Amino acid sequence: MKHVVFRNYDRYAIKHLLMEIGHHRLHRECENRKLNFPKRISLFFLESGDFPTTLKYKYPMIGINTIMVIDRYDLPEKGWERFEVA
């Protein structure tokens, strides 16, 4: 069964969200999940569906990983695209 999710790849919106989150908080979340600190802003994206809205990163060797839940931050209104995932 396929699930419908909404993703946002808008670099401008993600950059402002990352500034709101802060370097220290992002670094701590990556350490908690045993992930390397992300290097490229173009590989970040936001994902929302039936579950909380999350910040995800596409690692070149590992694949897509969730970094943190971002429901309490100021989320963008524009740029959301609909995807069907398995």
PDB file of N, CA and C in Angstrom:
ATOM      1  N   MET A   1       0.832  -1.172   0.000  1.00  0.00           N
ATOM      2  CA  MET A   1       0.000   0.000   0.000  1.00  0.00           C
ATOM      3  C   MET A   1       0.884   1.245   0.000  1.00  0.00           C
ATOM      4  N   LYS A   2       0.548   2.200  -0.824  1.00  0.00           N
ATOM      5  CA  LYS A   2       1.337   3.416  -0.926  1.00  0.00           C
ATOM      6  C   LYS A   2       0.803   4.484   0.022  1.00  0.00           C
ATOM      7  N   HIS A   3       1.736   5.230   0.592  1.00  0.00           N
ATOM      8  CA  HIS A   3       1.392   6.339   1.477  1.00  0.00           C
ATOM      9  C   HIS A   3       1.666   7.647   0.749  1.00  0.00           C
ATOM     10  N   VAL A   4       0.845   8.620   0.998  1.00  0.00           N
ATOM     11  CA  VAL A   4       1.035   9.942   0.406  1.00  0.00           C
ATOM     12  C   VAL A   4       1.754  10.820   1.425  1.00  0.00           C
ATOM     13  N   VAL A   5       2.853  11.424   0.999  1.00  0.00           N
ATOM     14  CA  VAL A   5       3.595  12.362   1.838  1.00  0.00           C
ATOM     15  C   VAL A   5       3.813  13.645   1.047  1.00  0.00           C
ATOM     16  N   PHE A   6       4.080  14.703   1.761  1.00  0.00           N
ATOM     17  CA  PHE A   6       4.390  15.986   1.141  1.00  0.00           C
ATOM     18  C   PHE A   6       5.827  16.340   1.489  1.00  0.00           C
ATOM     19  N   ARG A   7       6.589  16.721   0.471  1.00  0.00           N
ATOM     20  CA  ARG A   7       7.993  17.076   0.663  1.00  0.00           C
ATOM     21  C   ARG A   7       8.237  18.498   0.185  1.00  0.00           C
ATOM     22  N   ASN A   8       9.185  19.134   0.847  1.00  0.00           N
ATOM     23  CA  ASN A   8       9.561  20.496   0.487  1.00  0.00           C
ATOM     24  C   ASN A   8      11.074  20.542   0.300  1.00  0.00           C
ATOM     25  N   TYR A   9      11.517  20.913  -0.906  1.00  0.00           N
ATOM     26  CA  TYR A   9      12.938  20.987  -1.240  1.00  0.00           C
ATOM     27  C   TYR A   9      13.418  22.434  -1.389  1.00  0.00           C
ATOM     28  N   ASP A  10      12.618  23.403  -1.004  1.00  0.00           N
ATOM     29  CA  ASP A  10      12.946  24.820  -1.169  1.00  0.00           C
ATOM     30  C   ASP A  10      14.148  25.191  -0.293  1.00  0.00           C
ATOM     31  N   ARG A  11      15.285  25.447  -0.934  1.00  0.00           N
ATOM     32  CA  ARG A  11      16.522  25.725  -0.200  1.00  0.00           C
ATOM     33  C   ARG A  11      16.428  26.993   0.641  1.00  0.00           C
ATOM     34  N   TYR A  12      15.734  27.995   0.139  1.00  0.00           N
ATOM     35  CA  TYR A  12      15.584  29.244   0.886  1.00  0.00           C
ATOM     36  C   TYR A  12      14.829  28.992   2.198  1.00  0.00           C
ATOM     37  N   ALA A  13      13.726  28.255   2.129  1.00  0.00           N
ATOM     38  CA  ALA A  13      12.933  27.952   3.329  1.00  0.00           C
ATOM     39  C   ALA A  13      13.710  27.056   4.288  1.00  0.00           C
ATOM     40  N   ILE A  14      14.432  26.086   3.749  1.00  0.00           N
ATOM     41  CA  ILE A  14      15.208  25.176   4.593  1.00  0.00           C
ATOM     42  C   ILE A  14      16.348  25.927   5.272  1.00  0.00           C
ATOM     43  N   LYS A  15      16.978  26.841   4.554  1.00  0.00           N
ATOM     44  CA  LYS A  15      18.063  27.634   5.140  1.00  0.00           C
ATOM     45  C   LYS A  15      17.561  28.443   6.329  1.00  0.00           C
ATOM     46  N   HIS A  16      16.398  29.076   6.194  1.00  0.00           N
ATOM     47  CA  HIS A  16      15.836  29.850   7.305  1.00  0.00           C
ATOM     48  C   HIS A  16      15.414  28.945   8.460  1.00  0.00           C
ATOM     49  N   LEU A  17      14.916  27.773   8.155  1.00  0.00           N
ATOM     50  CA  LEU A  17      14.555  26.819   9.201  1.00  0.00           C
ATOM     51  C   LEU A  17      15.799  26.355   9.955  1.00  0.00           C
ATOM     52  N   LEU A  18      16.881  26.076   9.239  1.00  0.00           N
ATOM     53  CA  LEU A  18      18.130  25.659   9.881  1.00  0.00           C
ATOM     54  C   LEU A  18      18.696  26.771  10.758  1.00  0.00           C
ATOM     55  N   MET A  19      18.549  28.009  10.335  1.00  0.00           N
ATOM     56  CA  MET A  19      18.999  29.131  11.162  1.00  0.00           C
ATOM     57  C   MET A  19      18.163  29.222  12.436  1.00  0.00           C
ATOM     58  N   GLU A  20      16.871  28.941  12.331  1.00  0.00           N
ATOM     59  CA  GLU A  20      15.994  28.957  13.507  1.00  0.00           C
ATOM     60  C   GLU A  20      16.342  27.809  14.457  1.00  0.00           C
ATOM     61  N   ILE A  21      16.647  26.644  13.906  1.00  0.00           N
ATOM     62  CA  ILE A  21      17.015  25.487  14.727  1.00  0.00           C
ATOM     63  C   ILE A  21      18.334  25.751  15.445  1.00  0.00           C
ATOM     64  N   GLY A  22      19.311  26.248  14.727  1.00  0.00           N
ATOM     65  CA  GLY A  22      20.620  26.548  15.311  1.00  0.00           C
ATOM     66  C   GLY A  22      21.607  25.410  15.121  1.00  0.00           C
ATOM     67  N   HIS A  23      22.878  25.779  15.044  1.00  0.00           N
ATOM     68  CA  HIS A  23      23.955  24.813  14.810  1.00  0.00           C
ATOM     69  C   HIS A  23      24.067  23.808  15.953  1.00  0.00           C
ATOM     70  N   HIS A  24      23.990  24.297  17.192  1.00  0.00           N
ATOM     71  CA  HIS A  24      24.158  23.422  18.352  1.00  0.00           C
ATOM     72  C   HIS A  24      23.067  22.350  18.416  1.00  0.00           C
ATOM     73  N   ARG A  25      21.822  22.753  18.227  1.00  0.00           N
ATOM     74  CA  ARG A  25      20.696  21.802  18.289  1.00  0.00           C
ATOM     75  C   ARG A  25      20.784  20.771  17.165  1.00  0.00           C
ATOM     76  N   LEU A  26      21.112  21.222  15.951  1.00  0.00           N
ATOM     77  CA  LEU A  26      21.244  20.313  14.817  1.00  0.00           C
ATOM     78  C   LEU A  26      22.383  19.328  15.048  1.00  0.00           C
ATOM     79  N   HIS A  27      23.502  19.820  15.568  1.00  0.00           N
ATOM     80  CA  HIS A  27      24.649  18.956  15.850  1.00  0.00           C
ATOM     81  C   HIS A  27      24.290  17.908  16.902  1.00  0.00           C
ATOM     82  N   ARG A  28      23.569  18.313  17.943  1.00  0.00           N
ATOM     83  CA  ARG A  28      23.167  17.390  19.006  1.00  0.00           C
ATOM     84  C   ARG A  28      22.206  16.317  18.485  1.00  0.00           C
ATOM     85  N   GLU A  29      21.265  16.713  17.628  1.00  0.00           N
ATOM     86  CA  GLU A  29      20.327  15.740  17.053  1.00  0.00           C
ATOM     87  C   GLU A  29      21.058  14.717  16.182  1.00  0.00           C
ATOM     88  N   CYS A  30      22.047  15.160  15.417  1.00  0.00           N
ATOM     89  CA  CYS A  30      22.833  14.240  14.583  1.00  0.00           C
ATOM     90  C   CYS A  30      23.629  13.274  15.450  1.00  0.00           C
ATOM     91  N   GLU A  31      24.209  13.770  16.543  1.00  0.00           N
ATOM     92  CA  GLU A  31      24.949  12.899  17.457  1.00  0.00           C
ATOM     93  C   GLU A  31      24.030  11.869  18.097  1.00  0.00           C
ATOM     94  N   ASN A  32      22.830  12.279  18.496  1.00  0.00           N
ATOM     95  CA  ASN A  32      21.881  11.353  19.121  1.00  0.00           C
ATOM     96  C   ASN A  32      21.483  10.219  18.183  1.00  0.00           C
ATOM     97  N   ARG A  33      21.419  10.499  16.898  1.00  0.00           N
ATOM     98  CA  ARG A  33      21.036   9.485  15.908  1.00  0.00           C
ATOM     99  C   ARG A  33      22.246   8.813  15.264  1.00  0.00           C
ATOM    100  N   LYS A  34      23.447   9.160  15.764  1.00  0.00           N
ATOM    101  CA  LYS A  34      24.701   8.589  15.255  1.00  0.00           C
ATOM    102  C   LYS A  34      24.871   8.831  13.754  1.00  0.00           C
ATOM    103  N   LEU A  35      24.609  10.068  13.344  1.00  0.00           N
ATOM    104  CA  LEU A  35      24.751  10.483  11.949  1.00  0.00           C
ATOM    105  C   LEU A  35      25.857  11.523  11.842  1.00  0.00           C
ATOM    106  N   ASN A  36      26.511  11.566  10.701  1.00  0.00           N
ATOM    107  CA  ASN A  36      27.489  12.615  10.439  1.00  0.00           C
ATOM    108  C   ASN A  36      26.764  13.944  10.275  1.00  0.00           C
ATOM    109  N   PHE A  37      27.465  15.030  10.605  1.00  0.00           N
ATOM    110  CA  PHE A  37      26.870  16.353  10.458  1.00  0.00           C
ATOM    111  C   PHE A  37      26.711  16.661   8.970  1.00  0.00           C
ATOM    112  N   PRO A  38      25.520  17.056   8.512  1.00  0.00           N
ATOM    113  CA  PRO A  38      25.277  17.335   7.087  1.00  0.00           C
ATOM    114  C   PRO A  38      26.141  18.479   6.567  1.00  0.00           C
ATOM    115  N   LYS A  39      26.568  18.348   5.320  1.00  0.00           N
ATOM    116  CA  LYS A  39      27.462  19.342   4.716  1.00  0.00           C
ATOM    117  C   LYS A  39      26.776  20.211   3.660  1.00  0.00           C
ATOM    118  N   ARG A  40      25.832  19.666   2.902  1.00  0.00           N
ATOM    119  CA  ARG A  40      25.217  20.387   1.781  1.00  0.00           C
ATOM    120  C   ARG A  40      23.758  20.717   2.058  1.00  0.00           C
ATOM    121  N   ILE A  41      23.407  21.960   1.837  1.00  0.00           N
ATOM    122  CA  ILE A  41      22.020  22.373   2.054  1.00  0.00           C
ATOM    123  C   ILE A  41      21.098  21.792   0.980  1.00  0.00           C
ATOM    124  N   SER A  42      21.639  21.494  -0.185  1.00  0.00           N
ATOM    125  CA  SER A  42      20.807  20.982  -1.282  1.00  0.00           C
ATOM    126  C   SER A  42      20.311  19.558  -1.031  1.00  0.00           C
ATOM    127  N   LEU A  43      20.878  18.855  -0.046  1.00  0.00           N
ATOM    128  CA  LEU A  43      20.455  17.484   0.242  1.00  0.00           C
ATOM    129  C   LEU A  43      19.457  17.402   1.399  1.00  0.00           C
ATOM    130  N   PHE A  44      19.103  18.540   1.987  1.00  0.00           N
ATOM    131  CA  PHE A  44      18.064  18.584   3.018  1.00  0.00           C
ATOM    132  C   PHE A  44      16.696  18.629   2.355  1.00  0.00           C
ATOM    133  N   PHE A  45      15.683  18.079   3.038  1.00  0.00           N
ATOM    134  CA  PHE A  45      14.299  18.293   2.637  1.00  0.00           C
ATOM    135  C   PHE A  45      13.388  18.082   3.833  1.00  0.00           C
ATOM    136  N   LEU A  46      12.184  18.617   3.737  1.00  0.00           N
ATOM    137  CA  LEU A  46      11.171  18.471   4.777  1.00  0.00           C
ATOM    138  C   LEU A  46      10.147  17.460   4.299  1.00  0.00           C
ATOM    139  N   GLU A  47       9.623  16.654   5.231  1.00  0.00           N
ATOM    140  CA  GLU A  47       8.617  15.662   4.855  1.00  0.00           C
ATOM    141  C   GLU A  47       7.493  15.676   5.873  1.00  0.00           C
ATOM    142  N   SER A  48       6.264  15.644   5.363  1.00  0.00           N
ATOM    143  CA  SER A  48       5.084  15.661   6.216  1.00  0.00           C
ATOM    144  C   SER A  48       4.047  14.707   5.646  1.00  0.00           C
ATOM    145  N   GLY A  49       3.292  14.082   6.536  1.00  0.00           N
ATOM    146  CA  GLY A  49       2.244  13.160   6.118  1.00  0.00           C
ATOM    147  C   GLY A  49       1.309  12.926   7.287  1.00  0.00           C
ATOM    148  N   ASP A  50       0.997  11.660   7.563  1.00  0.00           N
ATOM    149  CA  ASP A  50       0.156  11.316   8.706  1.00  0.00           C
ATOM    150  C   ASP A  50       0.919  11.424  10.019  1.00  0.00           C
ATOM    151  N   PHE A  51       2.213  11.520   9.944  1.00  0.00           N
ATOM    152  CA  PHE A  51       3.105  11.576  11.093  1.00  0.00           C
ATOM    153  C   PHE A  51       3.639  13.004  11.232  1.00  0.00           C
ATOM    154  N   PRO A  52       4.405  13.294  12.269  1.00  0.00           N
ATOM    155  CA  PRO A  52       4.925  14.666  12.430  1.00  0.00           C
ATOM    156  C   PRO A  52       5.820  15.094  11.264  1.00  0.00           C
ATOM    157  N   THR A  53       5.941  16.387  11.070  1.00  0.00           N
ATOM    158  CA  THR A  53       6.812  16.934  10.033  1.00  0.00           C
ATOM    159  C   THR A  53       8.261  16.765  10.466  1.00  0.00           C
ATOM    160  N   THR A  54       9.086  16.247   9.559  1.00  0.00           N
ATOM    161  CA  THR A  54      10.469  15.944   9.900  1.00  0.00           C
ATOM    162  C   THR A  54      11.440  16.618   8.942  1.00  0.00           C
ATOM    163  N   LEU A  55      12.640  16.850   9.447  1.00  0.00           N
ATOM    164  CA  LEU A  55      13.756  17.327   8.639  1.00  0.00           C
ATOM    165  C   LEU A  55      14.574  16.103   8.267  1.00  0.00           C
ATOM    166  N   LYS A  56      14.784  15.908   6.980  1.00  0.00           N
ATOM    167  CA  LYS A  56      15.522  14.735   6.509  1.00  0.00           C
ATOM    168  C   LYS A  56      16.707  15.176   5.676  1.00  0.00           C
ATOM    169  N   TYR A  57      17.680  14.259   5.562  1.00  0.00           N
ATOM    170  CA  TYR A  57      18.889  14.528   4.790  1.00  0.00           C
ATOM    171  C   TYR A  57      19.227  13.281   3.989  1.00  0.00           C
ATOM    172  N   LYS A  58      19.624  13.490   2.744  1.00  0.00           N
ATOM    173  CA  LYS A  58      19.996  12.371   1.879  1.00  0.00           C
ATOM    174  C   LYS A  58      21.514  12.225   1.908  1.00  0.00           C
ATOM    175  N   TYR A  59      21.995  11.275   2.719  1.00  0.00           N
ATOM    176  CA  TYR A  59      23.428  11.003   2.795  1.00  0.00           C
ATOM    177  C   TYR A  59      23.854  10.233   1.553  1.00  0.00           C
ATOM    178  N   PRO A  60      24.985  10.592   0.954  1.00  0.00           N
ATOM    179  CA  PRO A  60      25.407   9.936  -0.294  1.00  0.00           C
ATOM    180  C   PRO A  60      25.599   8.422  -0.168  1.00  0.00           C
ATOM    181  N   MET A  61      26.185   7.940   0.913  1.00  0.00           N
ATOM    182  CA  MET A  61      26.474   6.513   1.051  1.00  0.00           C
ATOM    183  C   MET A  61      25.397   5.761   1.841  1.00  0.00           C
ATOM    184  N   ILE A  62      24.731   6.434   2.757  1.00  0.00           N
ATOM    185  CA  ILE A  62      23.772   5.779   3.654  1.00  0.00           C
ATOM    186  C   ILE A  62      22.362   5.796   3.090  1.00  0.00           C
ATOM    187  N   GLY A  63      21.970   6.891   2.493  1.00  0.00           N
ATOM    188  CA  GLY A  63      20.606   7.065   2.005  1.00  0.00           C
ATOM    189  C   GLY A  63      19.899   8.141   2.808  1.00  0.00           C
ATOM    190  N   ILE A  64      18.580   8.125   2.785  1.00  0.00           N
ATOM    191  CA  ILE A  64      17.775   9.155   3.451  1.00  0.00           C
ATOM    192  C   ILE A  64      17.584   8.802   4.922  1.00  0.00           C
ATOM    193  N   ASN A  65      17.881   9.763   5.792  1.00  0.00           N
ATOM    194  CA  ASN A  65      17.706   9.589   7.229  1.00  0.00           C
ATOM    195  C   ASN A  65      16.975  10.787   7.818  1.00  0.00           C
ATOM    196  N   THR A  66      16.137  10.514   8.814  1.00  0.00           N
ATOM    197  CA  THR A  66      15.454  11.571   9.549  1.00  0.00           C
ATOM    198  C   THR A  66      16.420  12.155  10.566  1.00  0.00           C
ATOM    199  N   ILE A  67      16.526  13.468  10.591  1.00  0.00           N
ATOM    200  CA  ILE A  67      17.401  14.123  11.558  1.00  0.00           C
ATOM    201  C   ILE A  67      16.618  14.536  12.796  1.00  0.00           C
ATOM    202  N   MET A  68      15.454  15.178  12.597  1.00  0.00           N
ATOM    203  CA  MET A  68      14.674  15.613  13.752  1.00  0.00           C
ATOM    204  C   MET A  68      13.238  15.952  13.365  1.00  0.00           C
ATOM    205  N   VAL A  69      12.370  15.983  14.371  1.00  0.00           N
ATOM    206  CA  VAL A  69      10.981  16.417  14.204  1.00  0.00           C
ATOM    207  C   VAL A  69      10.964  17.936  14.340  1.00  0.00           C
ATOM    208  N   ILE A  70      10.292  18.611  13.406  1.00  0.00           N
ATOM    209  CA  ILE A  70      10.341  20.081  13.372  1.00  0.00           C
ATOM    210  C   ILE A  70       8.960  20.720  13.480  1.00  0.00           C
ATOM    211  N   ASP A  71       8.017  20.041  14.102  1.00  0.00           N
ATOM    212  CA  ASP A  71       6.652  20.572  14.208  1.00  0.00           C
ATOM    213  C   ASP A  71       6.570  21.886  14.981  1.00  0.00           C
ATOM    214  N   ARG A  72       7.449  22.095  15.928  1.00  0.00           N
ATOM    215  CA  ARG A  72       7.344  23.304  16.759  1.00  0.00           C
ATOM    216  C   ARG A  72       8.039  24.524  16.157  1.00  0.00           C
ATOM    217  N   TYR A  73       8.659  24.351  15.012  1.00  0.00           N
ATOM    218  CA  TYR A  73       9.335  25.463  14.343  1.00  0.00           C
ATOM    219  C   TYR A  73       8.423  26.075  13.287  1.00  0.00           C
ATOM    220  N   ASP A  74       8.808  27.226  12.780  1.00  0.00           N
ATOM    221  CA  ASP A  74       8.036  27.939  11.764  1.00  0.00           C
ATOM    222  C   ASP A  74       8.230  27.249  10.416  1.00  0.00           C
ATOM    223  N   LEU A  75       7.198  26.575   9.922  1.00  0.00           N
ATOM    224  CA  LEU A  75       7.291  25.803   8.685  1.00  0.00           C
ATOM    225  C   LEU A  75       6.867  26.643   7.482  1.00  0.00           C
ATOM    226  N   PRO A  76       7.457  26.374   6.318  1.00  0.00           N
ATOM    227  CA  PRO A  76       7.079  27.125   5.115  1.00  0.00           C
ATOM    228  C   PRO A  76       5.678  26.751   4.635  1.00  0.00           C
ATOM    229  N   GLU A  77       5.007  27.700   4.017  1.00  0.00           N
ATOM    230  CA  GLU A  77       3.671  27.456   3.473  1.00  0.00           C
ATOM    231  C   GLU A  77       3.721  27.035   2.016  1.00  0.00           C
ATOM    232  N   LYS A  78       4.749  27.465   1.295  1.00  0.00           N
ATOM    233  CA  LYS A  78       4.850  27.189  -0.137  1.00  0.00           C
ATOM    234  C   LYS A  78       5.945  26.165  -0.407  1.00  0.00           C
ATOM    235  N   GLY A  79       5.862  25.552  -1.579  1.00  0.00           N
ATOM    236  CA  GLY A  79       6.914  24.649  -2.025  1.00  0.00           C
ATOM    237  C   GLY A  79       6.684  23.182  -1.715  1.00  0.00           C
ATOM    238  N   TRP A  80       5.525  22.816  -1.204  1.00  0.00           N
ATOM    239  CA  TRP A  80       5.252  21.425  -0.858  1.00  0.00           C
ATOM    240  C   TRP A  80       4.818  20.656  -2.103  1.00  0.00           C
ATOM    241  N   GLU A  81       5.407  19.479  -2.288  1.00  0.00           N
ATOM    242  CA  GLU A  81       5.091  18.612  -3.421  1.00  0.00           C
ATOM    243  C   GLU A  81       4.567  17.277  -2.898  1.00  0.00           C
ATOM    244  N   ARG A  82       3.612  16.719  -3.601  1.00  0.00           N
ATOM    245  CA  ARG A  82       2.990  15.456  -3.194  1.00  0.00           C
ATOM    246  C   ARG A  82       3.762  14.282  -3.794  1.00  0.00           C
ATOM    247  N   PHE A  83       4.070  13.259  -2.946  1.00  0.00           N
ATOM    248  CA  PHE A  83       4.768  12.051  -3.381  1.00  0.00           C
ATOM    249  C   PHE A  83       4.046  10.829  -2.837  1.00  0.00           C
ATOM    250  N   GLU A  84       4.110   9.746  -3.576  1.00  0.00           N
ATOM    251  CA  GLU A  84       3.621   8.457  -3.093  1.00  0.00           C
ATOM    252  C   GLU A  84       4.828   7.580  -2.818  1.00  0.00           C
ATOM    253  N   VAL A  85       4.932   7.095  -1.581  1.00  0.00           N
ATOM    254  CA  VAL A  85       6.052   6.246  -1.186  1.00  0.00           C
ATOM    255  C   VAL A  85       5.518   4.898  -0.731  1.00  0.00           C
ATOM    256  N   ALA A  86       6.341   3.890  -0.887  1.00  0.00           N
ATOM    257  CA  ALA A  86       5.929   2.530  -0.505  1.00  0.00           C
ATOM    258  C   ALA A  86       6.056   2.310   0.973  1.00  0.00           C
TER     259      ALA A  86
END
